[in-house]
């Protein structure tokens, strides 16, 4: 079992370990996808929005404030 926090995974990703970002996605995908699907009422739209969310997250990882929850 991997006990790394989201903050550690973000730092690992910023240090070039791409697997860390995959772990972040895996960790949060089900909850976020379900939320998006409920919010917009469309599974395909939720998939597209999910990808946009994580693309935006990836582009802005360096701005993450570790004092806040991921």
C-alpha atoms as a PDB file:
ATOM      1  CA  UNK A   1       0.000   0.000   0.000  1.00  0.00           C
ATOM      2  CA  UNK A   2       1.340   3.405  -1.008  1.00  0.00           C
ATOM      3  CA  UNK A   3       1.121   5.877   1.862  1.00  0.00           C
ATOM      4  CA  UNK A   4       2.453   8.911   0.017  1.00  0.00           C
ATOM      5  CA  UNK A   5       0.415  12.040   0.527  1.00  0.00           C
ATOM      6  CA  UNK A   6      -0.900  14.103  -2.362  1.00  0.00           C
ATOM      7  CA  UNK A   7       1.635  16.770  -1.444  1.00  0.00           C
ATOM      8  CA  UNK A   8       4.522  14.296  -1.759  1.00  0.00           C
ATOM      9  CA  UNK A   9       3.181  13.062  -5.088  1.00  0.00           C
ATOM     10  CA  UNK A  10       2.942  16.647  -6.358  1.00  0.00           C
ATOM     11  CA  UNK A  11       6.516  17.330  -5.315  1.00  0.00           C
ATOM     12  CA  UNK A  12       7.646  14.093  -6.987  1.00  0.00           C
ATOM     13  CA  UNK A  13       5.860  15.132 -10.156  1.00  0.00           C
ATOM     14  CA  UNK A  14       7.525  18.546 -10.070  1.00  0.00           C
ATOM     15  CA  UNK A  15      10.833  16.697  -9.745  1.00  0.00           C
ATOM     16  CA  UNK A  16      10.133  14.822 -12.983  1.00  0.00           C
ATOM     17  CA  UNK A  17       8.563  11.574 -11.735  1.00  0.00           C
ATOM     18  CA  UNK A  18       5.597  11.283 -14.112  1.00  0.00           C
ATOM     19  CA  UNK A  19       4.275   8.178 -12.366  1.00  0.00           C
ATOM     20  CA  UNK A  20       3.440  10.424  -9.417  1.00  0.00           C
ATOM     21  CA  UNK A  21       0.919  12.361 -11.508  1.00  0.00           C
ATOM     22  CA  UNK A  22      -0.647   9.105 -12.684  1.00  0.00           C
ATOM     23  CA  UNK A  23      -1.050   8.147  -9.022  1.00  0.00           C
ATOM     24  CA  UNK A  24      -2.761  11.483  -8.275  1.00  0.00           C
ATOM     25  CA  UNK A  25      -5.198  10.891 -11.120  1.00  0.00           C
ATOM     26  CA  UNK A  26      -5.857   7.327 -10.002  1.00  0.00           C
ATOM     27  CA  UNK A  27      -6.414   8.483  -6.436  1.00  0.00           C
ATOM     28  CA  UNK A  28      -8.980  11.155  -7.362  1.00  0.00           C
ATOM     29  CA  UNK A  29     -10.518  10.015 -10.639  1.00  0.00           C
ATOM     30  CA  UNK A  30     -13.594   8.182  -9.387  1.00  0.00           C
ATOM     31  CA  UNK A  31     -14.773  10.890  -7.013  1.00  0.00           C
ATOM     32  CA  UNK A  32     -14.121  13.718  -9.464  1.00  0.00           C
ATOM     33  CA  UNK A  33     -15.675  11.892 -12.402  1.00  0.00           C
ATOM     34  CA  UNK A  34     -18.796  11.058 -10.408  1.00  0.00           C
ATOM     35  CA  UNK A  35     -19.073  14.679  -9.271  1.00  0.00           C
ATOM     36  CA  UNK A  36     -18.701  15.995 -12.829  1.00  0.00           C
ATOM     37  CA  UNK A  37     -21.222  13.507 -14.198  1.00  0.00           C
ATOM     38  CA  UNK A  38     -23.781  14.557 -11.583  1.00  0.00           C
ATOM     39  CA  UNK A  39     -23.029  18.230 -12.190  1.00  0.00           C
ATOM     40  CA  UNK A  40     -23.490  18.194 -15.966  1.00  0.00           C
ATOM     41  CA  UNK A  41     -25.688  15.099 -16.351  1.00  0.00           C
ATOM     42  CA  UNK A  42     -23.689  13.591 -19.211  1.00  0.00           C
ATOM     43  CA  UNK A  43     -21.055  10.857 -19.017  1.00  0.00           C
ATOM     44  CA  UNK A  44     -19.223  11.812 -22.215  1.00  0.00           C
ATOM     45  CA  UNK A  45     -19.168  15.470 -21.260  1.00  0.00           C
ATOM     46  CA  UNK A  46     -17.911  14.503 -17.814  1.00  0.00           C
ATOM     47  CA  UNK A  47     -15.034  12.561 -19.406  1.00  0.00           C
ATOM     48  CA  UNK A  48     -14.043  15.571 -21.497  1.00  0.00           C
ATOM     49  CA  UNK A  49     -14.279  17.908 -18.526  1.00  0.00           C
ATOM     50  CA  UNK A  50     -12.318  15.447 -16.365  1.00  0.00           C
ATOM     51  CA  UNK A  51      -9.464  15.504 -18.874  1.00  0.00           C
ATOM     52  CA  UNK A  52      -9.539  19.299 -19.005  1.00  0.00           C
ATOM     53  CA  UNK A  53      -9.430  19.492 -15.203  1.00  0.00           C
ATOM     54  CA  UNK A  54      -6.369  17.274 -14.912  1.00  0.00           C
ATOM     55  CA  UNK A  55      -4.627  18.983 -17.830  1.00  0.00           C
ATOM     56  CA  UNK A  56      -5.131  22.303 -16.034  1.00  0.00           C
ATOM     57  CA  UNK A  57      -3.934  20.771 -12.761  1.00  0.00           C
ATOM     58  CA  UNK A  58      -0.805  19.440 -14.461  1.00  0.00           C
ATOM     59  CA  UNK A  59      -0.004  22.797 -16.060  1.00  0.00           C
ATOM     60  CA  UNK A  60      -0.394  24.562 -12.705  1.00  0.00           C
ATOM     61  CA  UNK A  61       1.239  22.103 -10.286  1.00  0.00           C
ATOM     62  CA  UNK A  62       4.016  24.538  -9.518  1.00  0.00           C
ATOM     63  CA  UNK A  63       1.413  26.936  -8.105  1.00  0.00           C
ATOM     64  CA  UNK A  64       0.009  24.357  -5.659  1.00  0.00           C
ATOM     65  CA  UNK A  65      -0.168  25.634  -2.088  1.00  0.00           C
ATOM     66  CA  UNK A  66       0.740  22.686   0.187  1.00  0.00           C
ATOM     67  CA  UNK A  67      -1.059  24.348   3.097  1.00  0.00           C
ATOM     68  CA  UNK A  68      -4.317  23.647   1.222  1.00  0.00           C
ATOM     69  CA  UNK A  69      -5.941  20.327   0.371  1.00  0.00           C
ATOM     70  CA  UNK A  70      -5.382  19.000  -3.130  1.00  0.00           C
END
